[in-house]
Amino acid sequence: MPEEDPKRFRLPFRPKPFLFRLLGAVFLAEFLVIGYSIYRCGQVEPGEPTLLVERCPKIGDRTQEMFTLATATILSLLTDTGKMD
């Protein structure tokens, strides 16, 4: 009996599901980075009780910029893949 070619039954690449999964992975990574950043900024040194905003003043701006850029990039790729279908 002849052997089957493994490439013959290979599924085609589907860009939309891939990009949706990538978008989910970006959201997860963003939440992990934001959580870790707030955790590290929230650690208070003994004798120095200060507010989180005073210790890490740009944390909100940085996370918003990173989140917006990653989301916009993936969503723009998603709209481009709709034209290929």
C-alpha atoms as a PDB file:
ATOM      1  CA  MET A   1       0.000   0.000   0.000  1.00  0.00           C
ATOM      2  CA  PRO A   2       1.503   3.396  -0.979  1.00  0.00           C
ATOM      3  CA  GLU A   3       2.202   5.897   1.792  1.00  0.00           C
ATOM      4  CA  GLU A   4      -0.006   8.995   1.986  1.00  0.00           C
ATOM      5  CA  ASP A   5       1.563  12.394   1.410  1.00  0.00           C
ATOM      6  CA  PRO A   6       1.249  14.364   4.714  1.00  0.00           C
ATOM      7  CA  LYS A   7       1.039  17.690   2.859  1.00  0.00           C
ATOM      8  CA  ARG A   8      -2.008  16.539   0.960  1.00  0.00           C
ATOM      9  CA  PHE A   9      -4.295  16.710   4.002  1.00  0.00           C
ATOM     10  CA  ARG A  10      -2.924  19.930   5.404  1.00  0.00           C
ATOM     11  CA  LEU A  11      -5.546  22.499   6.403  1.00  0.00           C
ATOM     12  CA  PRO A  12      -5.354  25.919   4.720  1.00  0.00           C
ATOM     13  CA  PHE A  13      -4.233  28.957   6.678  1.00  0.00           C
ATOM     14  CA  ARG A  14      -7.207  30.951   7.949  1.00  0.00           C
ATOM     15  CA  PRO A  15      -6.161  34.543   8.684  1.00  0.00           C
ATOM     16  CA  LYS A  16      -9.269  35.686  10.590  1.00  0.00           C
ATOM     17  CA  PRO A  17      -9.208  33.014  13.327  1.00  0.00           C
ATOM     18  CA  PHE A  18      -5.455  33.510  13.632  1.00  0.00           C
ATOM     19  CA  LEU A  19      -5.842  37.268  14.098  1.00  0.00           C
ATOM     20  CA  PHE A  20      -8.672  36.842  16.607  1.00  0.00           C
ATOM     21  CA  ARG A  21      -6.486  34.494  18.631  1.00  0.00           C
ATOM     22  CA  LEU A  22      -3.628  36.953  18.345  1.00  0.00           C
ATOM     23  CA  LEU A  23      -5.921  39.730  19.587  1.00  0.00           C
ATOM     24  CA  GLY A  24      -6.857  37.592  22.580  1.00  0.00           C
ATOM     25  CA  ALA A  25      -3.193  36.873  23.270  1.00  0.00           C
ATOM     26  CA  VAL A  26      -2.417  40.596  23.119  1.00  0.00           C
ATOM     27  CA  PHE A  27      -5.209  41.329  25.614  1.00  0.00           C
ATOM     28  CA  LEU A  28      -3.879  38.652  27.952  1.00  0.00           C
ATOM     29  CA  ALA A  29      -0.307  39.921  27.686  1.00  0.00           C
ATOM     30  CA  GLU A  30      -1.454  43.497  28.262  1.00  0.00           C
ATOM     31  CA  PHE A  31      -3.345  42.548  31.412  1.00  0.00           C
ATOM     32  CA  LEU A  32      -0.343  40.617  32.730  1.00  0.00           C
ATOM     33  CA  VAL A  33       2.014  43.534  32.093  1.00  0.00           C
ATOM     34  CA  ILE A  34      -0.389  46.037  33.630  1.00  0.00           C
ATOM     35  CA  GLY A  35      -0.981  43.825  36.656  1.00  0.00           C
ATOM     36  CA  TYR A  36       2.725  43.277  37.245  1.00  0.00           C
ATOM     37  CA  SER A  37       3.468  46.988  36.813  1.00  0.00           C
ATOM     38  CA  ILE A  38       0.831  47.994  39.332  1.00  0.00           C
ATOM     39  CA  TYR A  39       2.020  45.283  41.724  1.00  0.00           C
ATOM     40  CA  ARG A  40       5.629  46.467  41.556  1.00  0.00           C
ATOM     41  CA  CYS A  41       4.669  50.118  41.884  1.00  0.00           C
ATOM     42  CA  GLY A  42       2.368  49.244  44.771  1.00  0.00           C
ATOM     43  CA  GLN A  43       5.178  47.871  46.907  1.00  0.00           C
ATOM     44  CA  VAL A  44       5.815  50.447  49.581  1.00  0.00           C
ATOM     45  CA  GLU A  45       9.212  50.976  51.109  1.00  0.00           C
ATOM     46  CA  PRO A  46       9.185  51.223  54.888  1.00  0.00           C
ATOM     47  CA  GLY A  47       8.968  54.785  56.108  1.00  0.00           C
ATOM     48  CA  GLU A  48       7.788  56.212  52.771  1.00  0.00           C
ATOM     49  CA  PRO A  49       3.986  56.098  52.536  1.00  0.00           C
ATOM     50  CA  THR A  50       3.210  57.675  49.156  1.00  0.00           C
ATOM     51  CA  LEU A  51       0.408  57.282  46.664  1.00  0.00           C
ATOM     52  CA  LEU A  52       0.713  54.982  43.666  1.00  0.00           C
ATOM     53  CA  VAL A  53       0.231  57.956  41.332  1.00  0.00           C
ATOM     54  CA  GLU A  54       3.193  59.716  42.925  1.00  0.00           C
ATOM     55  CA  ARG A  55       5.505  56.679  42.686  1.00  0.00           C
ATOM     56  CA  CYS A  56       4.581  55.749  39.112  1.00  0.00           C
ATOM     57  CA  PRO A  57       3.071  58.815  37.458  1.00  0.00           C
ATOM     58  CA  LYS A  58       3.202  57.592  33.843  1.00  0.00           C
ATOM     59  CA  ILE A  59       1.948  54.033  34.331  1.00  0.00           C
ATOM     60  CA  GLY A  60      -1.570  54.838  33.099  1.00  0.00           C
ATOM     61  CA  ASP A  61      -0.363  56.678  30.017  1.00  0.00           C
ATOM     62  CA  ARG A  62       2.073  53.928  29.072  1.00  0.00           C
ATOM     63  CA  THR A  63      -0.470  51.141  29.429  1.00  0.00           C
ATOM     64  CA  GLN A  64      -3.107  53.064  27.496  1.00  0.00           C
ATOM     65  CA  GLU A  65      -0.662  53.794  24.669  1.00  0.00           C
ATOM     66  CA  MET A  66       0.538  50.189  24.485  1.00  0.00           C
ATOM     67  CA  PHE A  67      -2.992  48.775  24.599  1.00  0.00           C
ATOM     68  CA  THR A  68      -4.326  51.189  21.966  1.00  0.00           C
ATOM     69  CA  LEU A  69      -1.469  50.588  19.548  1.00  0.00           C
ATOM     70  CA  ALA A  70      -1.625  46.790  19.751  1.00  0.00           C
ATOM     71  CA  THR A  71      -5.423  46.702  19.438  1.00  0.00           C
ATOM     72  CA  ALA A  72      -5.495  49.136  16.517  1.00  0.00           C
ATOM     73  CA  THR A  73      -2.837  47.184  14.645  1.00  0.00           C
ATOM     74  CA  ILE A  74      -4.616  43.856  14.942  1.00  0.00           C
ATOM     75  CA  LEU A  75      -8.027  45.326  14.149  1.00  0.00           C
ATOM     76  CA  SER A  76      -6.631  46.975  11.033  1.00  0.00           C
ATOM     77  CA  LEU A  77      -5.240  43.628   9.946  1.00  0.00           C
ATOM     78  CA  LEU A  78      -8.661  42.072  10.557  1.00  0.00           C
ATOM     79  CA  THR A  79     -10.380  44.616   8.331  1.00  0.00           C
ATOM     80  CA  ASP A  80      -7.821  43.972   5.591  1.00  0.00           C
ATOM     81  CA  THR A  81      -8.415  40.226   5.730  1.00  0.00           C
ATOM     82  CA  GLY A  82     -12.134  40.798   5.149  1.00  0.00           C
ATOM     83  CA  LYS A  83     -11.276  42.075   1.655  1.00  0.00           C
ATOM     84  CA  MET A  84      -9.413  38.850   0.830  1.00  0.00           C
ATOM     85  CA  ASP A  85     -12.413  36.549   1.391  1.00  0.00           C
END
